[in-house]
Amino acid sequence: MRKMNNFKIVSLAVLVLLLLSCNPLEKNYKSNSFIIIENIIGKDNLGNDSTVVFSDVVKGGVAYSDFATVTLRAALLDPNPIMGVSQYNDIMLTKCVITYLPADGSTPQEGVNVPAHYEVSLSQLLPVGSSVSFPLMIVRDVAKLNPPLGALAGTTDMLECIARIEFFGHDLRNREVTQVGSISVRFADFLDE
């Protein structure tokens, strides 16, 4: 009988230790889910897939927006949850904020050495375990009409920046989830074909 009580006490102690030894990543999250950025793919100046966005500030006398294809998925902090995966673990993206940083590491000054930041509203569901790809505007056409990009028209100058993309959303229990990714952007007045 005494051995049985000792076994119960040891089992209870092990259970308490397991519950307290959570994944350190979990301490930064209120949600049980998080966003994984699988890739962000832009287009080069010939229209081919690229890890860099080649942004032509004027094409045929017109400024066009530039897009990248973003592939994201939702995952669980606990890869083997006791109660299993629920639809409440899925993530709904609600917006993203795109901020530009100079590629040379200097201090960003919007309208001087980088375009102005902007926000995009989203309504994209990320089911746990499934990859989702969608187009995302990386450079707005209006940014190409304003400094510093407008000054590149008609020149051979190039401006290299990093587009920092911060995704915001919530799981279906309404607990906030965020993630940050980036892609390089080369701004220039590329030769029209």
N, C-alpha and C. Protein backbone atom coordinates (compact mmCIF):
# COMPACT_ATOMS: atom_id res chain seq x y z
N MET A 1 0.82 -1.18 0.00
CA MET A 1 0.00 0.00 0.00
C MET A 1 0.87 1.26 0.00
N ARG A 2 1.98 1.19 0.81
CA ARG A 2 2.88 2.33 0.89
C ARG A 2 3.54 2.58 -0.47
N LYS A 3 3.91 1.50 -1.20
CA LYS A 3 4.53 1.65 -2.52
C LYS A 3 3.56 2.30 -3.50
N MET A 4 2.30 1.97 -3.38
CA MET A 4 1.29 2.56 -4.27
C MET A 4 1.17 4.06 -4.03
N ASN A 5 1.20 4.50 -2.77
CA ASN A 5 1.14 5.93 -2.44
C ASN A 5 2.38 6.65 -2.94
N ASN A 6 3.55 6.04 -2.80
CA ASN A 6 4.79 6.64 -3.32
C ASN A 6 4.72 6.79 -4.83
N PHE A 7 4.16 5.78 -5.49
CA PHE A 7 4.03 5.84 -6.95
C PHE A 7 3.11 6.99 -7.36
N LYS A 8 2.02 7.19 -6.63
CA LYS A 8 1.08 8.28 -6.93
C LYS A 8 1.76 9.64 -6.74
N ILE A 9 2.54 9.76 -5.67
CA ILE A 9 3.22 11.03 -5.39
C ILE A 9 4.25 11.33 -6.48
N VAL A 10 5.02 10.32 -6.87
CA VAL A 10 6.02 10.51 -7.93
C VAL A 10 5.32 10.85 -9.26
N SER A 11 4.25 10.15 -9.57
CA SER A 11 3.51 10.41 -10.81
C SER A 11 2.96 11.83 -10.82
N LEU A 12 2.42 12.28 -9.70
CA LEU A 12 1.88 13.63 -9.61
C LEU A 12 3.00 14.66 -9.77
N ALA A 13 4.15 14.41 -9.17
CA ALA A 13 5.28 15.33 -9.29
C ALA A 13 5.76 15.42 -10.75
N VAL A 14 5.82 14.28 -11.44
CA VAL A 14 6.24 14.27 -12.84
C VAL A 14 5.22 15.04 -13.69
N LEU A 15 3.94 14.86 -13.42
CA LEU A 15 2.91 15.57 -14.17
C LEU A 15 3.02 17.08 -13.98
N VAL A 16 3.25 17.52 -12.74
CA VAL A 16 3.41 18.95 -12.46
C VAL A 16 4.63 19.50 -13.20
N LEU A 17 5.74 18.78 -13.19
CA LEU A 17 6.94 19.23 -13.91
C LEU A 17 6.69 19.34 -15.40
N LEU A 18 5.98 18.39 -15.96
CA LEU A 18 5.68 18.44 -17.39
C LEU A 18 4.82 19.64 -17.73
N LEU A 19 3.85 19.93 -16.89
CA LEU A 19 2.98 21.07 -17.15
C LEU A 19 3.71 22.39 -17.03
N LEU A 20 4.70 22.46 -16.14
CA LEU A 20 5.44 23.70 -15.95
C LEU A 20 6.57 23.89 -16.96
N SER A 21 6.98 22.84 -17.64
CA SER A 21 8.09 22.94 -18.58
C SER A 21 7.57 23.11 -20.00
N CYS A 22 6.89 24.21 -20.22
CA CYS A 22 6.31 24.50 -21.53
C CYS A 22 7.38 25.01 -22.49
N ASN A 23 7.05 24.99 -23.74
CA ASN A 23 7.87 25.54 -24.80
C ASN A 23 8.11 27.02 -24.51
N PRO A 24 9.36 27.52 -24.48
CA PRO A 24 9.61 28.93 -24.18
C PRO A 24 8.91 29.88 -25.16
N LEU A 25 8.68 29.43 -26.40
CA LEU A 25 7.99 30.25 -27.38
C LEU A 25 6.57 30.54 -26.92
N GLU A 26 5.96 29.60 -26.20
CA GLU A 26 4.59 29.76 -25.74
C GLU A 26 4.44 30.94 -24.79
N LYS A 27 5.49 31.28 -24.07
CA LYS A 27 5.40 32.36 -23.10
C LYS A 27 5.18 33.71 -23.77
N ASN A 28 5.51 33.83 -25.05
CA ASN A 28 5.32 35.08 -25.77
C ASN A 28 3.98 35.13 -26.50
N TYR A 29 3.19 34.08 -26.43
CA TYR A 29 1.93 33.99 -27.15
C TYR A 29 0.78 33.77 -26.20
N LYS A 30 -0.35 34.35 -26.55
CA LYS A 30 -1.58 34.02 -25.84
C LYS A 30 -2.33 32.96 -26.63
N SER A 31 -2.09 32.91 -27.92
CA SER A 31 -2.73 31.92 -28.78
C SER A 31 -1.95 30.61 -28.73
N ASN A 32 -2.62 29.53 -29.05
CA ASN A 32 -1.95 28.23 -29.18
C ASN A 32 -1.39 28.05 -30.58
N SER A 33 -1.65 29.01 -31.48
CA SER A 33 -1.24 28.92 -32.87
C SER A 33 -0.25 30.05 -33.20
N PHE A 34 0.54 29.82 -34.24
CA PHE A 34 1.43 30.87 -34.72
C PHE A 34 1.53 30.78 -36.24
N ILE A 35 2.05 31.84 -36.87
CA ILE A 35 2.15 31.93 -38.33
C ILE A 35 3.56 31.55 -38.75
N ILE A 36 3.64 30.70 -39.76
CA ILE A 36 4.92 30.37 -40.39
C ILE A 36 4.92 31.00 -41.79
N ILE A 37 5.93 31.80 -42.08
CA ILE A 37 6.09 32.35 -43.43
C ILE A 37 6.94 31.36 -44.22
N GLU A 38 6.33 30.70 -45.19
CA GLU A 38 7.07 29.72 -45.98
C GLU A 38 7.91 30.41 -47.04
N ASN A 39 7.37 31.41 -47.71
CA ASN A 39 8.17 32.21 -48.64
C ASN A 39 7.42 33.46 -49.08
N ILE A 40 8.19 34.40 -49.58
CA ILE A 40 7.68 35.63 -50.18
C ILE A 40 8.42 35.77 -51.50
N ILE A 41 7.70 35.66 -52.60
CA ILE A 41 8.31 35.65 -53.93
C ILE A 41 7.83 36.86 -54.74
N GLY A 42 8.79 37.63 -55.24
CA GLY A 42 8.48 38.77 -56.08
C GLY A 42 8.75 38.45 -57.54
N LYS A 43 8.84 39.50 -58.35
CA LYS A 43 9.13 39.36 -59.78
C LYS A 43 10.35 40.21 -60.13
N ASP A 44 11.21 39.66 -61.02
CA ASP A 44 12.33 40.47 -61.50
C ASP A 44 11.85 41.37 -62.62
N ASN A 45 12.76 42.12 -63.24
CA ASN A 45 12.35 43.07 -64.28
C ASN A 45 11.90 42.40 -65.57
N LEU A 46 12.06 41.07 -65.68
CA LEU A 46 11.56 40.33 -66.85
C LEU A 46 10.27 39.56 -66.53
N GLY A 47 9.79 39.68 -65.30
CA GLY A 47 8.56 39.01 -64.91
C GLY A 47 8.74 37.60 -64.37
N ASN A 48 9.99 37.20 -64.12
CA ASN A 48 10.26 35.88 -63.56
C ASN A 48 10.20 35.91 -62.04
N ASP A 49 9.88 34.77 -61.42
CA ASP A 49 9.88 34.68 -59.97
C ASP A 49 11.26 35.01 -59.42
N SER A 50 11.30 35.73 -58.31
CA SER A 50 12.57 36.19 -57.75
C SER A 50 12.43 36.39 -56.25
N THR A 51 13.54 36.27 -55.54
CA THR A 51 13.55 36.58 -54.11
C THR A 51 13.72 38.07 -53.87
N VAL A 52 13.81 38.84 -54.95
CA VAL A 52 13.91 40.29 -54.91
C VAL A 52 12.81 40.85 -55.79
N VAL A 53 12.13 41.90 -55.34
CA VAL A 53 11.14 42.60 -56.18
C VAL A 53 11.87 43.67 -56.96
N PHE A 54 11.79 43.61 -58.29
CA PHE A 54 12.33 44.66 -59.14
C PHE A 54 11.18 45.61 -59.45
N SER A 55 11.21 46.79 -58.87
CA SER A 55 10.11 47.74 -58.97
C SER A 55 10.45 48.83 -59.98
N ASP A 56 9.79 48.76 -61.13
CA ASP A 56 9.97 49.76 -62.19
C ASP A 56 9.11 50.97 -61.84
N VAL A 57 9.75 52.12 -61.58
CA VAL A 57 8.99 53.28 -61.13
C VAL A 57 8.10 53.87 -62.22
N VAL A 58 8.48 53.69 -63.49
CA VAL A 58 7.64 54.14 -64.60
C VAL A 58 7.75 53.11 -65.71
N LYS A 59 6.61 52.63 -66.17
CA LYS A 59 6.59 51.66 -67.27
C LYS A 59 5.61 52.16 -68.31
N GLY A 60 6.14 52.56 -69.48
CA GLY A 60 5.29 53.12 -70.53
C GLY A 60 4.62 54.41 -70.10
N GLY A 61 5.30 55.17 -69.24
CA GLY A 61 4.76 56.44 -68.78
C GLY A 61 3.75 56.32 -67.64
N VAL A 62 3.55 55.10 -67.12
CA VAL A 62 2.56 54.86 -66.06
C VAL A 62 3.25 54.20 -64.87
N ALA A 63 2.82 54.55 -63.66
CA ALA A 63 3.31 53.91 -62.44
C ALA A 63 2.33 52.80 -62.05
N TYR A 64 2.83 51.58 -61.90
CA TYR A 64 2.01 50.43 -61.51
C TYR A 64 2.43 49.93 -60.14
N SER A 65 1.48 49.35 -59.43
CA SER A 65 1.78 48.71 -58.15
C SER A 65 2.56 47.42 -58.40
N ASP A 66 3.38 47.02 -57.43
CA ASP A 66 4.13 45.77 -57.51
C ASP A 66 3.61 44.80 -56.46
N PHE A 67 3.55 43.53 -56.85
CA PHE A 67 3.01 42.50 -55.97
C PHE A 67 4.04 41.40 -55.73
N ALA A 68 3.86 40.72 -54.63
CA ALA A 68 4.63 39.50 -54.33
C ALA A 68 3.63 38.43 -53.95
N THR A 69 4.01 37.18 -54.13
CA THR A 69 3.18 36.07 -53.69
C THR A 69 3.69 35.60 -52.34
N VAL A 70 2.80 35.62 -51.36
CA VAL A 70 3.15 35.23 -49.99
C VAL A 70 2.55 33.86 -49.71
N THR A 71 3.34 32.96 -49.16
CA THR A 71 2.85 31.65 -48.75
C THR A 71 3.03 31.50 -47.25
N LEU A 72 1.90 31.35 -46.55
CA LEU A 72 1.88 31.26 -45.10
C LEU A 72 1.14 30.00 -44.67
N ARG A 73 1.37 29.61 -43.42
CA ARG A 73 0.54 28.57 -42.83
C ARG A 73 0.49 28.77 -41.33
N ALA A 74 -0.55 28.23 -40.73
CA ALA A 74 -0.69 28.27 -39.28
C ALA A 74 -0.18 26.95 -38.71
N ALA A 75 0.45 27.02 -37.56
CA ALA A 75 0.94 25.82 -36.88
C ALA A 75 0.63 25.97 -35.39
N LEU A 76 0.72 24.86 -34.68
CA LEU A 76 0.45 24.84 -33.25
C LEU A 76 1.74 24.91 -32.45
N LEU A 77 1.73 25.64 -31.35
CA LEU A 77 2.88 25.67 -30.46
C LEU A 77 3.15 24.27 -29.91
N ASP A 78 2.09 23.57 -29.56
CA ASP A 78 2.21 22.18 -29.10
C ASP A 78 1.90 21.29 -30.30
N PRO A 79 2.90 20.62 -30.88
CA PRO A 79 2.66 19.83 -32.08
C PRO A 79 1.76 18.61 -31.86
N ASN A 80 1.60 18.17 -30.62
CA ASN A 80 0.73 17.02 -30.30
C ASN A 80 -0.20 17.38 -29.16
N PRO A 81 -1.20 18.24 -29.41
CA PRO A 81 -2.08 18.65 -28.32
C PRO A 81 -2.91 17.46 -27.81
N ILE A 82 -3.11 17.44 -26.51
CA ILE A 82 -3.85 16.34 -25.88
C ILE A 82 -5.26 16.24 -26.44
N MET A 83 -5.90 17.38 -26.65
CA MET A 83 -7.29 17.39 -27.13
C MET A 83 -7.38 17.40 -28.66
N GLY A 84 -6.26 17.36 -29.37
CA GLY A 84 -6.27 17.37 -30.82
C GLY A 84 -6.38 18.78 -31.38
N VAL A 85 -6.38 18.87 -32.71
CA VAL A 85 -6.46 20.15 -33.41
C VAL A 85 -7.93 20.53 -33.58
N SER A 86 -8.21 21.81 -33.38
CA SER A 86 -9.57 22.33 -33.50
C SER A 86 -9.59 23.44 -34.55
N GLN A 87 -10.76 23.71 -35.11
CA GLN A 87 -10.88 24.83 -36.05
C GLN A 87 -10.61 26.15 -35.34
N TYR A 88 -10.71 26.18 -34.01
CA TYR A 88 -10.41 27.39 -33.26
C TYR A 88 -8.92 27.72 -33.26
N ASN A 89 -8.08 26.77 -33.69
CA ASN A 89 -6.65 27.02 -33.82
C ASN A 89 -6.29 27.70 -35.13
N ASP A 90 -7.21 27.71 -36.11
CA ASP A 90 -6.96 28.38 -37.38
C ASP A 90 -6.78 29.87 -37.14
N ILE A 91 -6.06 30.53 -38.03
CA ILE A 91 -5.75 31.96 -37.88
C ILE A 91 -6.42 32.76 -39.00
N MET A 92 -7.04 33.86 -38.62
CA MET A 92 -7.60 34.81 -39.59
C MET A 92 -6.69 36.02 -39.63
N LEU A 93 -6.07 36.25 -40.80
CA LEU A 93 -5.25 37.46 -40.98
C LEU A 93 -6.19 38.63 -41.20
N THR A 94 -5.91 39.75 -40.54
CA THR A 94 -6.78 40.91 -40.65
C THR A 94 -6.10 42.11 -41.33
N LYS A 95 -4.78 42.19 -41.20
CA LYS A 95 -4.08 43.30 -41.86
C LYS A 95 -2.59 43.01 -41.89
N CYS A 96 -1.89 43.79 -42.70
CA CYS A 96 -0.43 43.80 -42.64
C CYS A 96 0.05 45.23 -42.84
N VAL A 97 1.18 45.52 -42.25
CA VAL A 97 1.80 46.83 -42.36
C VAL A 97 3.13 46.65 -43.06
N ILE A 98 3.35 47.42 -44.13
CA ILE A 98 4.58 47.33 -44.90
C ILE A 98 5.39 48.60 -44.65
N THR A 99 6.59 48.39 -44.13
CA THR A 99 7.52 49.48 -43.82
C THR A 99 8.80 49.23 -44.58
N TYR A 100 9.41 50.28 -45.10
CA TYR A 100 10.64 50.13 -45.87
C TYR A 100 11.85 50.55 -45.04
N LEU A 101 12.92 49.79 -45.20
CA LEU A 101 14.19 50.08 -44.55
C LEU A 101 15.27 50.21 -45.61
N PRO A 102 16.22 51.12 -45.47
CA PRO A 102 17.32 51.20 -46.43
C PRO A 102 18.17 49.93 -46.38
N ALA A 103 18.53 49.41 -47.54
CA ALA A 103 19.32 48.18 -47.59
C ALA A 103 20.73 48.39 -47.04
N ASP A 104 21.20 49.63 -47.01
CA ASP A 104 22.56 49.89 -46.50
C ASP A 104 22.61 50.01 -44.97
N GLY A 105 21.46 49.86 -44.31
CA GLY A 105 21.43 49.91 -42.85
C GLY A 105 21.33 51.30 -42.26
N SER A 106 21.24 52.33 -43.10
CA SER A 106 21.12 53.69 -42.57
C SER A 106 19.73 53.89 -41.95
N THR A 107 19.56 54.98 -41.26
CA THR A 107 18.29 55.28 -40.60
C THR A 107 17.22 55.59 -41.65
N PRO A 108 16.06 54.90 -41.57
CA PRO A 108 15.01 55.18 -42.56
C PRO A 108 14.36 56.55 -42.32
N GLN A 109 14.19 57.30 -43.41
CA GLN A 109 13.50 58.59 -43.38
C GLN A 109 12.48 58.57 -44.51
N GLU A 110 11.22 58.37 -44.14
CA GLU A 110 10.17 58.27 -45.16
C GLU A 110 10.12 59.53 -46.01
N GLY A 111 10.05 59.33 -47.33
CA GLY A 111 10.01 60.44 -48.26
C GLY A 111 11.38 60.99 -48.59
N VAL A 112 12.44 60.48 -47.92
CA VAL A 112 13.81 60.93 -48.18
C VAL A 112 14.63 59.79 -48.76
N ASN A 113 14.77 58.70 -47.98
CA ASN A 113 15.54 57.55 -48.50
C ASN A 113 14.72 56.26 -48.59
N VAL A 114 13.46 56.31 -48.18
CA VAL A 114 12.54 55.17 -48.33
C VAL A 114 11.13 55.70 -48.59
N PRO A 115 10.30 54.90 -49.27
CA PRO A 115 8.89 55.28 -49.45
C PRO A 115 8.15 55.24 -48.10
N ALA A 116 6.99 55.87 -48.06
CA ALA A 116 6.17 55.88 -46.86
C ALA A 116 5.58 54.49 -46.59
N HIS A 117 5.44 54.15 -45.32
CA HIS A 117 4.83 52.87 -44.94
C HIS A 117 3.33 52.93 -45.25
N TYR A 118 2.69 51.78 -45.28
CA TYR A 118 1.24 51.73 -45.48
C TYR A 118 0.68 50.43 -44.92
N GLU A 119 -0.63 50.41 -44.82
CA GLU A 119 -1.34 49.28 -44.22
C GLU A 119 -2.30 48.68 -45.24
N VAL A 120 -2.41 47.37 -45.22
CA VAL A 120 -3.31 46.65 -46.12
C VAL A 120 -4.28 45.83 -45.26
N SER A 121 -5.57 45.95 -45.53
CA SER A 121 -6.56 45.12 -44.83
C SER A 121 -6.61 43.75 -45.49
N LEU A 122 -6.73 42.72 -44.66
CA LEU A 122 -6.79 41.35 -45.15
C LEU A 122 -7.96 40.61 -44.52
N SER A 123 -8.44 39.60 -45.20
CA SER A 123 -9.40 38.64 -44.65
C SER A 123 -8.99 37.29 -45.22
N GLN A 124 -7.90 36.74 -44.68
CA GLN A 124 -7.34 35.50 -45.20
C GLN A 124 -7.26 34.48 -44.07
N LEU A 125 -7.93 33.35 -44.26
CA LEU A 125 -7.90 32.28 -43.27
C LEU A 125 -6.70 31.38 -43.50
N LEU A 126 -5.98 31.07 -42.42
CA LEU A 126 -4.84 30.14 -42.46
C LEU A 126 -5.21 28.92 -41.62
N PRO A 127 -5.68 27.84 -42.26
CA PRO A 127 -5.98 26.63 -41.48
C PRO A 127 -4.69 25.99 -40.98
N VAL A 128 -4.74 25.43 -39.79
CA VAL A 128 -3.57 24.77 -39.22
C VAL A 128 -3.15 23.62 -40.14
N GLY A 129 -1.85 23.61 -40.49
CA GLY A 129 -1.30 22.52 -41.29
C GLY A 129 -1.44 22.66 -42.79
N SER A 130 -2.11 23.71 -43.28
CA SER A 130 -2.29 23.90 -44.73
C SER A 130 -1.61 25.18 -45.17
N SER A 131 -0.87 25.12 -46.27
CA SER A 131 -0.23 26.32 -46.82
C SER A 131 -1.24 27.11 -47.64
N VAL A 132 -1.18 28.43 -47.52
CA VAL A 132 -2.07 29.32 -48.26
C VAL A 132 -1.20 30.36 -48.96
N SER A 133 -1.39 30.51 -50.27
CA SER A 133 -0.66 31.52 -51.05
C SER A 133 -1.62 32.59 -51.54
N PHE A 134 -1.18 33.84 -51.51
CA PHE A 134 -2.01 34.93 -52.00
C PHE A 134 -1.12 36.09 -52.44
N PRO A 135 -1.61 36.92 -53.38
CA PRO A 135 -0.81 38.08 -53.80
C PRO A 135 -0.91 39.19 -52.76
N LEU A 136 0.18 39.90 -52.59
CA LEU A 136 0.23 41.01 -51.64
C LEU A 136 0.92 42.19 -52.31
N MET A 137 0.27 43.35 -52.27
CA MET A 137 0.88 44.55 -52.85
C MET A 137 2.06 44.97 -51.98
N ILE A 138 3.24 44.98 -52.58
CA ILE A 138 4.47 45.33 -51.88
C ILE A 138 4.82 46.81 -52.07
N VAL A 139 4.50 47.34 -53.26
CA VAL A 139 4.76 48.76 -53.56
C VAL A 139 3.51 49.34 -54.19
N ARG A 140 2.99 50.41 -53.61
CA ARG A 140 1.81 51.07 -54.18
C ARG A 140 2.23 51.98 -55.35
N ASP A 141 1.35 52.08 -56.32
CA ASP A 141 1.63 52.95 -57.47
C ASP A 141 1.82 54.40 -57.04
N VAL A 142 1.06 54.86 -56.05
CA VAL A 142 1.16 56.25 -55.59
C VAL A 142 2.53 56.54 -54.98
N ALA A 143 3.19 55.52 -54.41
CA ALA A 143 4.53 55.72 -53.85
C ALA A 143 5.53 56.09 -54.93
N LYS A 144 5.28 55.63 -56.16
CA LYS A 144 6.21 55.90 -57.27
C LYS A 144 6.10 57.33 -57.79
N LEU A 145 5.05 58.02 -57.38
CA LEU A 145 4.86 59.41 -57.81
C LEU A 145 5.44 60.40 -56.81
N ASN A 146 5.80 59.90 -55.62
CA ASN A 146 6.29 60.74 -54.53
C ASN A 146 7.77 60.45 -54.25
N PRO A 147 8.44 61.39 -53.53
CA PRO A 147 9.84 61.14 -53.17
C PRO A 147 9.94 59.94 -52.24
N PRO A 148 11.00 59.20 -52.30
CA PRO A 148 12.17 59.37 -53.16
C PRO A 148 12.04 58.67 -54.52
N LEU A 149 10.97 57.87 -54.72
CA LEU A 149 10.87 57.07 -55.94
C LEU A 149 10.62 57.91 -57.19
N GLY A 150 9.83 58.97 -57.06
CA GLY A 150 9.53 59.82 -58.22
C GLY A 150 10.78 60.40 -58.85
N ALA A 151 11.81 60.63 -58.06
CA ALA A 151 13.07 61.21 -58.56
C ALA A 151 13.87 60.22 -59.40
N LEU A 152 13.52 58.92 -59.34
CA LEU A 152 14.26 57.92 -60.12
C LEU A 152 13.82 57.88 -61.59
N ALA A 153 12.63 58.41 -61.89
CA ALA A 153 12.12 58.39 -63.27
C ALA A 153 13.06 59.15 -64.20
N GLY A 154 13.41 58.51 -65.32
CA GLY A 154 14.26 59.14 -66.31
C GLY A 154 15.74 59.11 -65.97
N THR A 155 16.13 58.40 -64.91
CA THR A 155 17.54 58.31 -64.53
C THR A 155 17.98 56.84 -64.56
N THR A 156 19.26 56.63 -64.35
CA THR A 156 19.78 55.26 -64.23
C THR A 156 20.06 54.91 -62.77
N ASP A 157 19.61 55.75 -61.86
CA ASP A 157 19.82 55.52 -60.43
C ASP A 157 18.97 54.34 -59.94
N MET A 158 19.44 53.71 -58.87
CA MET A 158 18.70 52.61 -58.27
C MET A 158 18.66 52.83 -56.76
N LEU A 159 17.54 52.52 -56.15
CA LEU A 159 17.38 52.60 -54.70
C LEU A 159 17.05 51.20 -54.21
N GLU A 160 17.85 50.69 -53.28
CA GLU A 160 17.60 49.34 -52.74
C GLU A 160 17.07 49.47 -51.32
N CYS A 161 15.94 48.79 -51.07
CA CYS A 161 15.29 48.81 -49.77
C CYS A 161 14.91 47.39 -49.35
N ILE A 162 14.52 47.27 -48.12
CA ILE A 162 13.95 46.03 -47.61
C ILE A 162 12.52 46.34 -47.21
N ALA A 163 11.58 45.60 -47.76
CA ALA A 163 10.17 45.75 -47.37
C ALA A 163 9.93 44.83 -46.18
N ARG A 164 9.66 45.43 -45.03
CA ARG A 164 9.36 44.68 -43.80
C ARG A 164 7.85 44.52 -43.74
N ILE A 165 7.38 43.27 -43.70
CA ILE A 165 5.95 42.98 -43.74
C ILE A 165 5.54 42.40 -42.40
N GLU A 166 4.71 43.12 -41.67
CA GLU A 166 4.23 42.64 -40.37
C GLU A 166 2.77 42.22 -40.52
N PHE A 167 2.52 40.94 -40.30
CA PHE A 167 1.18 40.38 -40.41
C PHE A 167 0.49 40.40 -39.05
N PHE A 168 -0.78 40.77 -39.05
CA PHE A 168 -1.58 40.79 -37.83
C PHE A 168 -2.82 39.93 -38.05
N GLY A 169 -3.22 39.22 -37.01
CA GLY A 169 -4.43 38.42 -37.10
C GLY A 169 -4.79 37.89 -35.73
N HIS A 170 -5.67 36.91 -35.73
CA HIS A 170 -6.10 36.28 -34.48
C HIS A 170 -6.54 34.86 -34.78
N ASP A 171 -6.43 34.00 -33.76
CA ASP A 171 -6.98 32.67 -33.94
C ASP A 171 -8.50 32.77 -33.83
N LEU A 172 -9.19 31.68 -34.04
CA LEU A 172 -10.65 31.76 -34.04
C LEU A 172 -11.24 31.76 -32.64
N ARG A 173 -10.37 31.84 -31.64
CA ARG A 173 -10.80 32.15 -30.27
C ARG A 173 -10.58 33.64 -29.99
N ASN A 174 -10.16 34.36 -31.01
CA ASN A 174 -9.93 35.81 -30.98
C ASN A 174 -8.72 36.21 -30.16
N ARG A 175 -7.68 35.37 -30.14
CA ARG A 175 -6.43 35.71 -29.48
C ARG A 175 -5.43 36.16 -30.54
N GLU A 176 -4.77 37.28 -30.29
CA GLU A 176 -3.91 37.92 -31.29
C GLU A 176 -2.71 37.07 -31.67
N VAL A 177 -2.35 37.17 -32.96
CA VAL A 177 -1.19 36.49 -33.52
C VAL A 177 -0.51 37.46 -34.48
N THR A 178 0.82 37.55 -34.44
CA THR A 178 1.56 38.39 -35.38
C THR A 178 2.78 37.62 -35.89
N GLN A 179 3.29 38.08 -37.02
CA GLN A 179 4.52 37.53 -37.58
C GLN A 179 5.13 38.57 -38.51
N VAL A 180 6.45 38.55 -38.65
CA VAL A 180 7.15 39.53 -39.49
C VAL A 180 8.01 38.80 -40.52
N GLY A 181 7.94 39.27 -41.77
CA GLY A 181 8.80 38.77 -42.83
C GLY A 181 9.35 39.94 -43.61
N SER A 182 10.18 39.66 -44.60
CA SER A 182 10.73 40.75 -45.41
C SER A 182 11.14 40.24 -46.78
N ILE A 183 11.27 41.19 -47.71
CA ILE A 183 11.77 40.90 -49.05
C ILE A 183 12.52 42.15 -49.53
N SER A 184 13.59 41.94 -50.28
CA SER A 184 14.35 43.06 -50.84
C SER A 184 13.61 43.64 -52.04
N VAL A 185 13.74 44.96 -52.20
CA VAL A 185 13.09 45.66 -53.32
C VAL A 185 14.13 46.56 -53.98
N ARG A 186 14.26 46.46 -55.31
CA ARG A 186 15.14 47.35 -56.07
C ARG A 186 14.28 48.27 -56.91
N PHE A 187 14.36 49.55 -56.61
CA PHE A 187 13.58 50.57 -57.33
C PHE A 187 14.48 51.21 -58.38
N ALA A 188 13.98 51.30 -59.61
CA ALA A 188 14.71 51.97 -60.69
C ALA A 188 13.75 52.22 -61.83
N ASP A 189 14.18 53.04 -62.78
CA ASP A 189 13.44 53.23 -64.03
C ASP A 189 14.05 52.28 -65.04
N PHE A 190 13.62 51.01 -64.99
CA PHE A 190 14.17 49.99 -65.88
C PHE A 190 13.76 50.28 -67.31
N LEU A 191 14.60 49.85 -68.26
CA LEU A 191 14.30 50.08 -69.68
C LEU A 191 13.04 49.34 -70.08
N ASP A 192 12.13 50.05 -70.75
CA ASP A 192 10.91 49.40 -71.26
C ASP A 192 11.26 48.61 -72.50
N GLU A 193 10.61 47.46 -72.64
CA GLU A 193 10.88 46.64 -73.83
C GLU A 193 10.25 47.25 -75.05
